[in-house]
Amino acid sequence: MTGRKQIILGTAAGLALLWIGTRTFGRAAVTNYIFANEVDRDPAFGFKRPDYVRVSKDTTPPEVFPYYYTETWSPFPFVVVADYGVMWGVAGGGGGRRVYLWFFGSISSSELYNQWAS
């Protein structure tokens, strides 16, 4: 194998490992960050109430309202996109989408670029 092929394969393997790390650890960190910080101050959520239930993509929504939800995914290494919001009832809720940069425990968010309410 030539030196150029080794560099290309090494770079591809390194990026794949960084992406897998972001998907594994970054998504969980951003989800916890959202529930710890964004829920309190984001206007899409309204007011935080202690009886709201946390729901993620991997859990079944509860039968009772209201509840918070979040879904995160990682399109690139160190980038996590999150859809999140609150459901107040069968036909009511609000939420938005943000892009977060995650770098091994450090999280910074972009402006809310998509917001909805019903």
PDB file of N, CA and C in Angstrom:
ATOM      1  N   MET A   1       0.855  -1.177   0.000  1.00  0.00           N
ATOM      2  CA  MET A   1       0.000   0.000   0.000  1.00  0.00           C
ATOM      3  C   MET A   1       0.902   1.241   0.000  1.00  0.00           C
ATOM      4  N   THR A   2       0.551   2.174  -0.833  1.00  0.00           N
ATOM      5  CA  THR A   2       1.376   3.377  -0.925  1.00  0.00           C
ATOM      6  C   THR A   2       1.088   4.319   0.237  1.00  0.00           C
ATOM      7  N   GLY A   3       1.970   5.284   0.423  1.00  0.00           N
ATOM      8  CA  GLY A   3       1.813   6.249   1.509  1.00  0.00           C
ATOM      9  C   GLY A   3       0.547   7.085   1.370  1.00  0.00           C
ATOM     10  N   ARG A   4       0.180   7.399   0.126  1.00  0.00           N
ATOM     11  CA  ARG A   4      -1.023   8.213  -0.103  1.00  0.00           C
ATOM     12  C   ARG A   4      -2.293   7.450   0.296  1.00  0.00           C
ATOM     13  N   LYS A   5      -2.360   6.180  -0.049  1.00  0.00           N
ATOM     14  CA  LYS A   5      -3.524   5.369   0.324  1.00  0.00           C
ATOM     15  C   LYS A   5      -3.621   5.208   1.840  1.00  0.00           C
ATOM     16  N   GLN A   6      -2.481   5.060   2.492  1.00  0.00           N
ATOM     17  CA  GLN A   6      -2.488   4.935   3.950  1.00  0.00           C
ATOM     18  C   GLN A   6      -2.995   6.211   4.608  1.00  0.00           C
ATOM     19  N   ILE A   7      -2.607   7.355   4.077  1.00  0.00           N
ATOM     20  CA  ILE A   7      -3.080   8.627   4.627  1.00  0.00           C
ATOM     21  C   ILE A   7      -4.588   8.757   4.435  1.00  0.00           C
ATOM     22  N   ILE A   8      -5.059   8.419   3.256  1.00  0.00           N
ATOM     23  CA  ILE A   8      -6.502   8.522   2.975  1.00  0.00           C
ATOM     24  C   ILE A   8      -7.288   7.569   3.864  1.00  0.00           C
ATOM     25  N   LEU A   9      -6.845   6.326   3.969  1.00  0.00           N
ATOM     26  CA  LEU A   9      -7.539   5.351   4.818  1.00  0.00           C
ATOM     27  C   LEU A   9      -7.466   5.735   6.290  1.00  0.00           C
ATOM     28  N   GLY A  10      -6.323   6.240   6.730  1.00  0.00           N
ATOM     29  CA  GLY A  10      -6.190   6.669   8.120  1.00  0.00           C
ATOM     30  C   GLY A  10      -7.093   7.849   8.442  1.00  0.00           C
ATOM     31  N   THR A  11      -7.194   8.800   7.508  1.00  0.00           N
ATOM     32  CA  THR A  11      -8.081   9.950   7.697  1.00  0.00           C
ATOM     33  C   THR A  11      -9.537   9.510   7.742  1.00  0.00           C
ATOM     34  N   ALA A  12      -9.916   8.623   6.824  1.00  0.00           N
ATOM     35  CA  ALA A  12     -11.303   8.129   6.800  1.00  0.00           C
ATOM     36  C   ALA A  12     -11.625   7.363   8.080  1.00  0.00           C
ATOM     37  N   ALA A  13     -10.704   6.540   8.541  1.00  0.00           N
ATOM     38  CA  ALA A  13     -10.938   5.784   9.781  1.00  0.00           C
ATOM     39  C   ALA A  13     -11.024   6.721  10.981  1.00  0.00           C
ATOM     40  N   GLY A  14     -10.183   7.745  11.019  1.00  0.00           N
ATOM     41  CA  GLY A  14     -10.232   8.717  12.111  1.00  0.00           C
ATOM     42  C   GLY A  14     -11.546   9.481  12.144  1.00  0.00           C
ATOM     43  N   LEU A  15     -12.004   9.928  10.971  1.00  0.00           N
ATOM     44  CA  LEU A  15     -13.292  10.636  10.911  1.00  0.00           C
ATOM     45  C   LEU A  15     -14.448   9.723  11.307  1.00  0.00           C
ATOM     46  N   ALA A  16     -14.379   8.464  10.887  1.00  0.00           N
ATOM     47  CA  ALA A  16     -15.432   7.516  11.269  1.00  0.00           C
ATOM     48  C   ALA A  16     -15.459   7.315  12.781  1.00  0.00           C
ATOM     49  N   LEU A  17     -14.304   7.205  13.406  1.00  0.00           N
ATOM     50  CA  LEU A  17     -14.267   7.047  14.862  1.00  0.00           C
ATOM     51  C   LEU A  17     -14.792   8.296  15.571  1.00  0.00           C
ATOM     52  N   LEU A  18     -14.452   9.480  15.069  1.00  0.00           N
ATOM     53  CA  LEU A  18     -14.972  10.714  15.665  1.00  0.00           C
ATOM     54  C   LEU A  18     -16.488  10.796  15.519  1.00  0.00           C
ATOM     55  N   TRP A  19     -17.001  10.381  14.365  1.00  0.00           N
ATOM     56  CA  TRP A  19     -18.445  10.407  14.146  1.00  0.00           C
ATOM     57  C   TRP A  19     -19.153   9.409  15.067  1.00  0.00           C
ATOM     58  N   ILE A  20     -18.590   8.223  15.209  1.00  0.00           N
ATOM     59  CA  ILE A  20     -19.175   7.232  16.113  1.00  0.00           C
ATOM     60  C   ILE A  20     -19.145   7.745  17.556  1.00  0.00           C
ATOM     61  N   GLY A  21     -18.063   8.390  17.946  1.00  0.00           N
ATOM     62  CA  GLY A  21     -17.989   8.973  19.290  1.00  0.00           C
ATOM     63  C   GLY A  21     -19.029  10.057  19.496  1.00  0.00           C
ATOM     64  N   THR A  22     -19.244  10.887  18.468  1.00  0.00           N
ATOM     65  CA  THR A  22     -20.265  11.923  18.559  1.00  0.00           C
ATOM     66  C   THR A  22     -21.648  11.304  18.650  1.00  0.00           C
ATOM     67  N   ARG A  23     -21.902  10.275  17.857  1.00  0.00           N
ATOM     68  CA  ARG A  23     -23.211   9.606  17.904  1.00  0.00           C
ATOM     69  C   ARG A  23     -23.435   8.928  19.244  1.00  0.00           C
ATOM     70  N   THR A  24     -22.388   8.401  19.834  1.00  0.00           N
ATOM     71  CA  THR A  24     -22.530   7.679  21.094  1.00  0.00           C
ATOM     72  C   THR A  24     -22.584   8.615  22.295  1.00  0.00           C
ATOM     73  N   PHE A  25     -21.581   9.460  22.437  1.00  0.00           N
ATOM     74  CA  PHE A  25     -21.465  10.299  23.626  1.00  0.00           C
ATOM     75  C   PHE A  25     -22.047  11.698  23.428  1.00  0.00           C
ATOM     76  N   GLY A  26     -21.889  12.263  22.250  1.00  0.00           N
ATOM     77  CA  GLY A  26     -22.366  13.615  21.987  1.00  0.00           C
ATOM     78  C   GLY A  26     -23.872  13.742  22.024  1.00  0.00           C
ATOM     79  N   ARG A  27     -24.570  12.772  21.447  1.00  0.00           N
ATOM     80  CA  ARG A  27     -26.042  12.812  21.453  1.00  0.00           C
ATOM     81  C   ARG A  27     -26.575  12.752  22.872  1.00  0.00           C
ATOM     82  N   ALA A  28     -26.032  11.878  23.685  1.00  0.00           N
ATOM     83  CA  ALA A  28     -26.489  11.769  25.076  1.00  0.00           C
ATOM     84  C   ALA A  28     -26.180  13.048  25.845  1.00  0.00           C
ATOM     85  N   ALA A  29     -25.010  13.629  25.618  1.00  0.00           N
ATOM     86  CA  ALA A  29     -24.643  14.862  26.316  1.00  0.00           C
ATOM     87  C   ALA A  29     -25.551  16.014  25.908  1.00  0.00           C
ATOM     88  N   VAL A  30     -25.880  16.111  24.623  1.00  0.00           N
ATOM     89  CA  VAL A  30     -26.754  17.192  24.159  1.00  0.00           C
ATOM     90  C   VAL A  30     -28.170  16.993  24.690  1.00  0.00           C
ATOM     91  N   THR A  31     -28.653  15.770  24.724  1.00  0.00           N
ATOM     92  CA  THR A  31     -29.986  15.504  25.280  1.00  0.00           C
ATOM     93  C   THR A  31     -30.054  15.944  26.739  1.00  0.00           C
ATOM     94  N   ASN A  32     -29.061  15.582  27.528  1.00  0.00           N
ATOM     95  CA  ASN A  32     -29.025  16.007  28.931  1.00  0.00           C
ATOM     96  C   ASN A  32     -28.902  17.518  29.048  1.00  0.00           C
ATOM     97  N   TYR A  33     -28.122  18.146  28.170  1.00  0.00           N
ATOM     98  CA  TYR A  33     -27.970  19.598  28.171  1.00  0.00           C
ATOM     99  C   TYR A  33     -29.305  20.280  27.879  1.00  0.00           C
ATOM    100  N   ILE A  34     -30.041  19.752  26.920  1.00  0.00           N
ATOM    101  CA  ILE A  34     -31.346  20.333  26.570  1.00  0.00           C
ATOM    102  C   ILE A  34     -32.283  20.292  27.770  1.00  0.00           C
ATOM    103  N   PHE A  35     -32.397  19.135  28.399  1.00  0.00           N
ATOM    104  CA  PHE A  35     -33.322  19.016  29.525  1.00  0.00           C
ATOM    105  C   PHE A  35     -32.850  19.802  30.744  1.00  0.00           C
ATOM    106  N   ALA A  36     -31.555  20.005  30.885  1.00  0.00           N
ATOM    107  CA  ALA A  36     -31.039  20.744  32.038  1.00  0.00           C
ATOM    108  C   ALA A  36     -31.055  22.251  31.830  1.00  0.00           C
ATOM    109  N   ASN A  37     -30.905  22.717  30.586  1.00  0.00           N
ATOM    110  CA  ASN A  37     -30.726  24.145  30.345  1.00  0.00           C
ATOM    111  C   ASN A  37     -31.789  24.757  29.438  1.00  0.00           C
ATOM    112  N   GLU A  38     -32.008  24.179  28.283  1.00  0.00           N
ATOM    113  CA  GLU A  38     -32.878  24.787  27.285  1.00  0.00           C
ATOM    114  C   GLU A  38     -34.336  24.817  27.723  1.00  0.00           C
ATOM    115  N   VAL A  39     -34.770  23.792  28.420  1.00  0.00           N
ATOM    116  CA  VAL A  39     -36.173  23.707  28.821  1.00  0.00           C
ATOM    117  C   VAL A  39     -36.568  24.897  29.683  1.00  0.00           C
ATOM    118  N   ASP A  40     -35.658  25.360  30.515  1.00  0.00           N
ATOM    119  CA  ASP A  40     -35.963  26.479  31.411  1.00  0.00           C
ATOM    120  C   ASP A  40     -36.085  27.811  30.703  1.00  0.00           C
ATOM    121  N   ARG A  41     -35.346  28.015  29.612  1.00  0.00           N
ATOM    122  CA  ARG A  41     -35.289  29.350  29.049  1.00  0.00           C
ATOM    123  C   ARG A  41     -35.810  29.477  27.625  1.00  0.00           C
ATOM    124  N   ASP A  42     -36.104  28.387  26.951  1.00  0.00           N
ATOM    125  CA  ASP A  42     -36.556  28.467  25.571  1.00  0.00           C
ATOM    126  C   ASP A  42     -38.044  28.805  25.526  1.00  0.00           C
ATOM    127  N   PRO A  43     -38.448  29.844  24.788  1.00  0.00           N
ATOM    128  CA  PRO A  43     -39.864  30.217  24.750  1.00  0.00           C
ATOM    129  C   PRO A  43     -40.758  29.143  24.137  1.00  0.00           C
ATOM    130  N   ALA A  44     -40.181  28.234  23.379  1.00  0.00           N
ATOM    131  CA  ALA A  44     -40.994  27.165  22.799  1.00  0.00           C
ATOM    132  C   ALA A  44     -41.551  26.237  23.868  1.00  0.00           C
ATOM    133  N   PHE A  45     -40.882  26.169  25.010  1.00  0.00           N
ATOM    134  CA  PHE A  45     -41.326  25.287  26.069  1.00  0.00           C
ATOM    135  C   PHE A  45     -42.331  25.936  27.010  1.00  0.00           C
ATOM    136  N   GLY A  46     -42.399  27.239  27.012  1.00  0.00           N
ATOM    137  CA  GLY A  46     -43.257  27.881  27.996  1.00  0.00           C
ATOM    138  C   GLY A  46     -42.598  27.810  29.358  1.00  0.00           C
ATOM    139  N   PHE A  47     -43.348  27.434  30.358  1.00  0.00           N
ATOM    140  CA  PHE A  47     -42.817  27.361  31.710  1.00  0.00           C
ATOM    141  C   PHE A  47     -42.539  25.918  32.084  1.00  0.00           C
ATOM    142  N   LYS A  48     -41.424  25.700  32.738  1.00  0.00           N
ATOM    143  CA  LYS A  48     -41.086  24.347  33.178  1.00  0.00           C
ATOM    144  C   LYS A  48     -41.915  23.977  34.383  1.00  0.00           C
ATOM    145  N   ARG A  49     -42.470  22.801  34.327  1.00  0.00           N
ATOM    146  CA  ARG A  49     -43.240  22.295  35.461  1.00  0.00           C
ATOM    147  C   ARG A  49     -42.623  20.979  35.910  1.00  0.00           C
ATOM    148  N   PRO A  50     -42.597  20.726  37.184  1.00  0.00           N
ATOM    149  CA  PRO A  50     -41.932  19.520  37.665  1.00  0.00           C
ATOM    150  C   PRO A  50     -42.652  18.233  37.295  1.00  0.00           C
ATOM    151  N   ASP A  51     -43.925  18.311  36.910  1.00  0.00           N
ATOM    152  CA  ASP A  51     -44.649  17.080  36.603  1.00  0.00           C
ATOM    153  C   ASP A  51     -44.510  16.672  35.135  1.00  0.00           C
ATOM    154  N   TYR A  52     -43.724  17.417  34.343  1.00  0.00           N
ATOM    155  CA  TYR A  52     -43.503  17.015  32.956  1.00  0.00           C
ATOM    156  C   TYR A  52     -42.590  15.800  32.922  1.00  0.00           C
ATOM    157  N   VAL A  53     -42.834  14.909  32.000  1.00  0.00           N
ATOM    158  CA  VAL A  53     -42.060  13.680  31.857  1.00  0.00           C
ATOM    159  C   VAL A  53     -41.075  13.861  30.705  1.00  0.00           C
ATOM    160  N   ARG A  54     -39.860  13.383  30.870  1.00  0.00           N
ATOM    161  CA  ARG A  54     -38.871  13.408  29.783  1.00  0.00           C
ATOM    162  C   ARG A  54     -39.099  12.232  28.862  1.00  0.00           C
ATOM    163  N   VAL A  55     -39.183  12.491  27.570  1.00  0.00           N
ATOM    164  CA  VAL A  55     -39.386  11.442  26.578  1.00  0.00           C
ATOM    165  C   VAL A  55     -38.349  11.630  25.489  1.00  0.00           C
ATOM    166  N   SER A  56     -37.720  10.552  25.052  1.00  0.00           N
ATOM    167  CA  SER A  56     -36.790  10.625  23.940  1.00  0.00           C
ATOM    168  C   SER A  56     -37.275   9.700  22.834  1.00  0.00           C
ATOM    169  N   LYS A  57     -36.549   9.695  21.750  1.00  0.00           N
ATOM    170  CA  LYS A  57     -36.927   8.887  20.588  1.00  0.00           C
ATOM    171  C   LYS A  57     -37.047   7.402  20.949  1.00  0.00           C
ATOM    172  N   ASP A  58     -36.258   6.970  21.899  1.00  0.00           N
ATOM    173  CA  ASP A  58     -36.211   5.551  22.240  1.00  0.00           C
ATOM    174  C   ASP A  58     -37.280   5.118  23.236  1.00  0.00           C
ATOM    175  N   THR A  59     -38.087   6.048  23.727  1.00  0.00           N
ATOM    176  CA  THR A  59     -39.116   5.693  24.695  1.00  0.00           C
ATOM    177  C   THR A  59     -40.497   5.971  24.117  1.00  0.00           C
ATOM    178  N   THR A  60     -41.468   5.291  24.618  1.00  0.00           N
ATOM    179  CA  THR A  60     -42.846   5.481  24.177  1.00  0.00           C
ATOM    180  C   THR A  60     -43.437   6.691  24.887  1.00  0.00           C
ATOM    181  N   PRO A  61     -44.122   7.577  24.145  1.00  0.00           N
ATOM    182  CA  PRO A  61     -44.748   8.733  24.810  1.00  0.00           C
ATOM    183  C   PRO A  61     -45.736   8.279  25.880  1.00  0.00           C
ATOM    184  N   PRO A  62     -45.792   9.010  26.966  1.00  0.00           N
ATOM    185  CA  PRO A  62     -46.701   8.616  28.049  1.00  0.00           C
ATOM    186  C   PRO A  62     -48.154   8.875  27.672  1.00  0.00           C
ATOM    187  N   GLU A  63     -49.038   8.259  28.407  1.00  0.00           N
ATOM    188  CA  GLU A  63     -50.468   8.433  28.183  1.00  0.00           C
ATOM    189  C   GLU A  63     -50.977   9.748  28.754  1.00  0.00           C
ATOM    190  N   VAL A  64     -50.206  10.345  29.640  1.00  0.00           N
ATOM    191  CA  VAL A  64     -50.624  11.589  30.282  1.00  0.00           C
ATOM    192  C   VAL A  64     -49.818  12.749  29.727  1.00  0.00           C
ATOM    193  N   PHE A  65     -50.435  13.890  29.714  1.00  0.00           N
ATOM    194  CA  PHE A  65     -49.781  15.111  29.255  1.00  0.00           C
ATOM    195  C   PHE A  65     -49.586  16.022  30.452  1.00  0.00           C
ATOM    196  N   PRO A  66     -48.712  16.929  30.437  1.00  0.00           N
ATOM    197  CA  PRO A  66     -47.756  17.279  29.399  1.00  0.00           C
ATOM    198  C   PRO A  66     -46.457  16.489  29.531  1.00  0.00           C
ATOM    199  N   TYR A  67     -45.679  16.457  28.433  1.00  0.00           N
ATOM    200  CA  TYR A  67     -44.358  15.853  28.511  1.00  0.00           C
ATOM    201  C   TYR A  67     -43.403  16.547  27.550  1.00  0.00           C
ATOM    202  N   TYR A  68     -42.131  16.551  27.901  1.00  0.00           N
ATOM    203  CA  TYR A  68     -41.066  17.050  27.051  1.00  0.00           C
ATOM    204  C   TYR A  68     -40.553  15.899  26.201  1.00  0.00           C
ATOM    205  N   TYR A  69     -40.085  16.222  25.015  1.00  0.00           N
ATOM    206  CA  TYR A  69     -39.473  15.190  24.187  1.00  0.00           C
ATOM    207  C   TYR A  69     -38.233  15.770  23.514  1.00  0.00           C
ATOM    208  N   THR A  70     -37.372  14.895  23.077  1.00  0.00           N
ATOM    209  CA  THR A  70     -36.219  15.296  22.275  1.00  0.00           C
ATOM    210  C   THR A  70     -35.808  14.143  21.377  1.00  0.00           C
ATOM    211  N   GLU A  71     -35.294  14.499  20.217  1.00  0.00           N
ATOM    212  CA  GLU A  71     -34.713  13.535  19.288  1.00  0.00           C
ATOM    213  C   GLU A  71     -33.438  14.163  18.754  1.00  0.00           C
ATOM    214  N   THR A  72     -32.345  13.445  18.860  1.00  0.00           N
ATOM    215  CA  THR A  72     -31.065  13.975  18.405  1.00  0.00           C
ATOM    216  C   THR A  72     -30.450  13.040  17.379  1.00  0.00           C
ATOM    217  N   TRP A  73     -29.666  13.626  16.482  1.00  0.00           N
ATOM    218  CA  TRP A  73     -28.892  12.831  15.540  1.00  0.00           C
ATOM    219  C   TRP A  73     -27.629  13.599  15.187  1.00  0.00           C
ATOM    220  N   SER A  74     -26.665  12.872  14.640  1.00  0.00           N
ATOM    221  CA  SER A  74     -25.360  13.456  14.336  1.00  0.00           C
ATOM    222  C   SER A  74     -25.048  13.268  12.859  1.00  0.00           C
ATOM    223  N   PRO A  75     -25.143  14.339  12.054  1.00  0.00           N
ATOM    224  CA  PRO A  75     -24.834  14.199  10.633  1.00  0.00           C
ATOM    225  C   PRO A  75     -23.332  14.188  10.336  1.00  0.00           C
ATOM    226  N   PHE A  76     -22.519  14.809  11.211  1.00  0.00           N
ATOM    227  CA  PHE A  76     -21.077  14.912  11.023  1.00  0.00           C
ATOM    228  C   PHE A  76     -20.392  14.792  12.392  1.00  0.00           C
ATOM    229  N   PRO A  77     -19.094  14.510  12.409  1.00  0.00           N
ATOM    230  CA  PRO A  77     -18.393  14.517  13.691  1.00  0.00           C
ATOM    231  C   PRO A  77     -18.513  15.871  14.381  1.00  0.00           C
ATOM    232  N   PHE A  78     -18.782  15.856  15.663  1.00  0.00           N
ATOM    233  CA  PHE A  78     -18.891  17.030  16.536  1.00  0.00           C
ATOM    234  C   PHE A  78     -20.146  17.870  16.296  1.00  0.00           C
ATOM    235  N   VAL A  79     -21.042  17.448  15.435  1.00  0.00           N
ATOM    236  CA  VAL A  79     -22.280  18.187  15.157  1.00  0.00           C
ATOM    237  C   VAL A  79     -23.459  17.322  15.578  1.00  0.00           C
ATOM    238  N   VAL A  80     -24.341  17.877  16.421  1.00  0.00           N
ATOM    239  CA  VAL A  80     -25.546  17.180  16.855  1.00  0.00           C
ATOM    240  C   VAL A  80     -26.739  18.092  16.572  1.00  0.00           C
ATOM    241  N   VAL A  81     -27.726  17.558  15.874  1.00  0.00           N
ATOM    242  CA  VAL A  81     -28.956  18.290  15.582  1.00  0.00           C
ATOM    243  C   VAL A  81     -30.038  17.744  16.507  1.00  0.00           C
ATOM    244  N   ALA A  82     -30.827  18.653  17.088  1.00  0.00           N
ATOM    245  CA  ALA A  82     -31.856  18.228  18.041  1.00  0.00           C
ATOM    246  C   ALA A  82     -33.198  18.841  17.683  1.00  0.00           C
ATOM    247  N   ASP A  83     -34.210  17.990  17.611  1.00  0.00           N
ATOM    248  CA  ASP A  83     -35.607  18.421  17.581  1.00  0.00           C
ATOM    249  C   ASP A  83     -36.137  18.204  18.988  1.00  0.00           C
ATOM    250  N   TYR A  84     -36.764  19.226  19.556  1.00  0.00           N
ATOM    251  CA  TYR A  84     -37.270  19.061  20.908  1.00  0.00           C
ATOM    252  C   TYR A  84     -38.459  19.971  21.134  1.00  0.00           C
ATOM    253  N   GLY A  85     -39.232  19.634  22.151  1.00  0.00           N
ATOM    254  CA  GLY A  85     -40.406  20.441  22.446  1.00  0.00           C
ATOM    255  C   GLY A  85     -41.192  19.879  23.605  1.00  0.00           C
ATOM    256  N   VAL A  86     -42.426  20.337  23.703  1.00  0.00           N
ATOM    257  CA  VAL A  86     -43.316  19.909  24.771  1.00  0.00           C
ATOM    258  C   VAL A  86     -44.684  19.640  24.162  1.00  0.00           C
ATOM    259  N   MET A  87     -45.337  18.606  24.646  1.00  0.00           N
ATOM    260  CA  MET A  87     -46.715  18.311  24.241  1.00  0.00           C
ATOM    261  C   MET A  87     -47.612  18.606  25.432  1.00  0.00           C
ATOM    262  N   TRP A  88     -48.551  19.530  25.228  1.00  0.00           N
ATOM    263  CA  TRP A  88     -49.473  19.911  26.305  1.00  0.00           C
ATOM    264  C   TRP A  88     -50.731  19.073  26.297  1.00  0.00           C
ATOM    265  N   GLY A  89     -51.084  18.547  25.146  1.00  0.00           N
ATOM    266  CA  GLY A  89     -52.282  17.743  25.015  1.00  0.00           C
ATOM    267  C   GLY A  89     -52.259  17.015  23.690  1.00  0.00           C
ATOM    268  N   VAL A  90     -53.375  16.434  23.327  1.00  0.00           N
ATOM    269  CA  VAL A  90     -53.437  15.637  22.107  1.00  0.00           C
ATOM    270  C   VAL A  90     -53.087  16.477  20.881  1.00  0.00           C
ATOM    271  N   ALA A  91     -53.547  17.705  20.803  1.00  0.00           N
ATOM    272  CA  ALA A  91     -53.314  18.530  19.619  1.00  0.00           C
ATOM    273  C   ALA A  91     -52.557  19.813  19.936  1.00  0.00           C
ATOM    274  N   GLY A  92     -51.856  19.872  21.031  1.00  0.00           N
ATOM    275  CA  GLY A  92     -51.168  21.105  21.379  1.00  0.00           C
ATOM    276  C   GLY A  92     -49.750  20.870  21.822  1.00  0.00           C
ATOM    277  N   GLY A  93     -48.890  21.796  21.445  1.00  0.00           N
ATOM    278  CA  GLY A  93     -47.505  21.687  21.866  1.00  0.00           C
ATOM    279  C   GLY A  93     -46.662  22.731  21.173  1.00  0.00           C
ATOM    280  N   GLY A  94     -45.382  22.657  21.387  1.00  0.00           N
ATOM    281  CA  GLY A  94     -44.447  23.580  20.762  1.00  0.00           C
ATOM    282  C   GLY A  94     -43.053  23.019  20.845  1.00  0.00           C
ATOM    283  N   GLY A  95     -42.192  23.522  19.994  1.00  0.00           N
ATOM    284  CA  GLY A  95     -40.829  23.028  20.011  1.00  0.00           C
ATOM    285  C   GLY A  95     -39.986  23.699  18.960  1.00  0.00           C
ATOM    286  N   GLY A  96     -38.837  23.128  18.698  1.00  0.00           N
ATOM    287  CA  GLY A  96     -37.943  23.705  17.716  1.00  0.00           C
ATOM    288  C   GLY A  96     -36.809  22.773  17.375  1.00  0.00           C
ATOM    289  N   ARG A  97     -35.889  23.300  16.571  1.00  0.00           N
ATOM    290  CA  ARG A  97     -34.713  22.548  16.147  1.00  0.00           C
ATOM    291  C   ARG A  97     -33.491  23.441  16.299  1.00  0.00           C
ATOM    292  N   ARG A  98     -32.431  22.877  16.853  1.00  0.00           N
ATOM    293  CA  ARG A  98     -31.161  23.574  16.996  1.00  0.00           C
ATOM    294  C   ARG A  98     -30.027  22.672  16.532  1.00  0.00           C
ATOM    295  N   VAL A  99     -28.945  23.309  16.155  1.00  0.00           N
ATOM    296  CA  VAL A  99     -27.704  22.608  15.839  1.00  0.00           C
ATOM    297  C   VAL A  99     -26.734  22.884  16.979  1.00  0.00           C
ATOM    298  N   TYR A 100     -26.159  21.836  17.526  1.00  0.00           N
ATOM    299  CA  TYR A 100     -25.208  21.941  18.626  1.00  0.00           C
ATOM    300  C   TYR A 100     -23.844  21.456  18.157  1.00  0.00           C
ATOM    301  N   LEU A 101     -22.816  22.119  18.631  1.00  0.00           N
ATOM    302  CA  LEU A 101     -21.456  21.644  18.441  1.00  0.00           C
ATOM    303  C   LEU A 101     -21.012  21.009  19.745  1.00  0.00           C
ATOM    304  N   TRP A 102     -20.607  19.753  19.665  1.00  0.00           N
ATOM    305  CA  TRP A 102     -20.164  19.008  20.845  1.00  0.00           C
ATOM    306  C   TRP A 102     -18.700  18.663  20.647  1.00  0.00           C
ATOM    307  N   PHE A 103     -17.881  19.005  21.627  1.00  0.00           N
ATOM    308  CA  PHE A 103     -16.465  18.673  21.553  1.00  0.00           C
ATOM    309  C   PHE A 103     -16.022  18.117  22.895  1.00  0.00           C
ATOM    310  N   PHE A 104     -16.214  16.822  23.079  1.00  0.00           N
ATOM    311  CA  PHE A 104     -15.767  16.095  24.262  1.00  0.00           C
ATOM    312  C   PHE A 104     -16.162  16.784  25.569  1.00  0.00           C
ATOM    313  N   GLY A 105     -17.444  17.051  25.710  1.00  0.00           N
ATOM    314  CA  GLY A 105     -17.966  17.626  26.940  1.00  0.00           C
ATOM    315  C   GLY A 105     -18.319  19.089  26.844  1.00  0.00           C
ATOM    316  N   SER A 106     -17.770  19.781  25.884  1.00  0.00           N
ATOM    317  CA  SER A 106     -18.098  21.191  25.676  1.00  0.00           C
ATOM    318  C   SER A 106     -19.211  21.290  24.635  1.00  0.00           C
ATOM    319  N   ILE A 107     -20.269  22.019  24.976  1.00  0.00           N
ATOM    320  CA  ILE A 107     -21.431  22.117  24.088  1.00  0.00           C
ATOM    321  C   ILE A 107     -21.738  23.586  23.824  1.00  0.00           C
ATOM    322  N   SER A 108     -21.919  23.920  22.557  1.00  0.00           N
ATOM    323  CA  SER A 108     -22.390  25.259  22.204  1.00  0.00           C
ATOM    324  C   SER A 108     -23.526  25.093  21.199  1.00  0.00           C
ATOM    325  N   SER A 109     -24.509  25.976  21.291  1.00  0.00           N
ATOM    326  CA  SER A 109     -25.683  25.835  20.435  1.00  0.00           C
ATOM    327  C   SER A 109     -25.800  27.004  19.485  1.00  0.00           C
ATOM    328  N   SER A 110     -26.452  26.740  18.372  1.00  0.00           N
ATOM    329  CA  SER A 110     -26.748  27.782  17.413  1.00  0.00           C
ATOM    330  C   SER A 110     -28.060  28.457  17.799  1.00  0.00           C
ATOM    331  N   GLU A 111     -28.451  29.413  17.034  1.00  0.00           N
ATOM    332  CA  GLU A 111     -29.767  30.014  17.234  1.00  0.00           C
ATOM    333  C   GLU A 111     -30.832  28.995  16.859  1.00  0.00           C
ATOM    334  N   LEU A 112     -31.983  29.127  17.481  1.00  0.00           N
ATOM    335  CA  LEU A 112     -33.114  28.277  17.142  1.00  0.00           C
ATOM    336  C   LEU A 112     -33.514  28.608  15.708  1.00  0.00           C
ATOM    337  N   TYR A 113     -33.431  27.641  14.787  1.00  0.00           N
ATOM    338  CA  TYR A 113     -33.700  27.987  13.401  1.00  0.00           C
ATOM    339  C   TYR A 113     -35.013  27.422  12.882  1.00  0.00           C
ATOM    340  N   ASN A 114     -35.715  26.705  13.696  1.00  0.00           N
ATOM    341  CA  ASN A 114     -37.016  26.214  13.289  1.00  0.00           C
ATOM    342  C   ASN A 114     -37.844  26.084  14.558  1.00  0.00           C
ATOM    343  N   GLN A 115     -38.965  26.774  14.609  1.00  0.00           N
ATOM    344  CA  GLN A 115     -39.791  26.737  15.807  1.00  0.00           C
ATOM    345  C   GLN A 115     -41.241  26.503  15.392  1.00  0.00           C
ATOM    346  N   TRP A 116     -41.946  25.731  16.185  1.00  0.00           N
ATOM    347  CA  TRP A 116     -43.341  25.446  15.866  1.00  0.00           C
ATOM    348  C   TRP A 116     -44.187  25.500  17.118  1.00  0.00           C
ATOM    349  N   ALA A 117     -45.449  25.715  16.931  1.00  0.00           N
ATOM    350  CA  ALA A 117     -46.411  25.686  18.034  1.00  0.00           C
ATOM    351  C   ALA A 117     -47.780  25.378  17.451  1.00  0.00           C
ATOM    352  N   SER A 118     -48.582  24.667  18.236  1.00  0.00           N
ATOM    353  CA  SER A 118     -49.945  24.378  17.788  1.00  0.00           C
ATOM    354  C   SER A 118     -50.893  24.443  18.963  1.00  0.00           C
TER     355      SER A 118
END
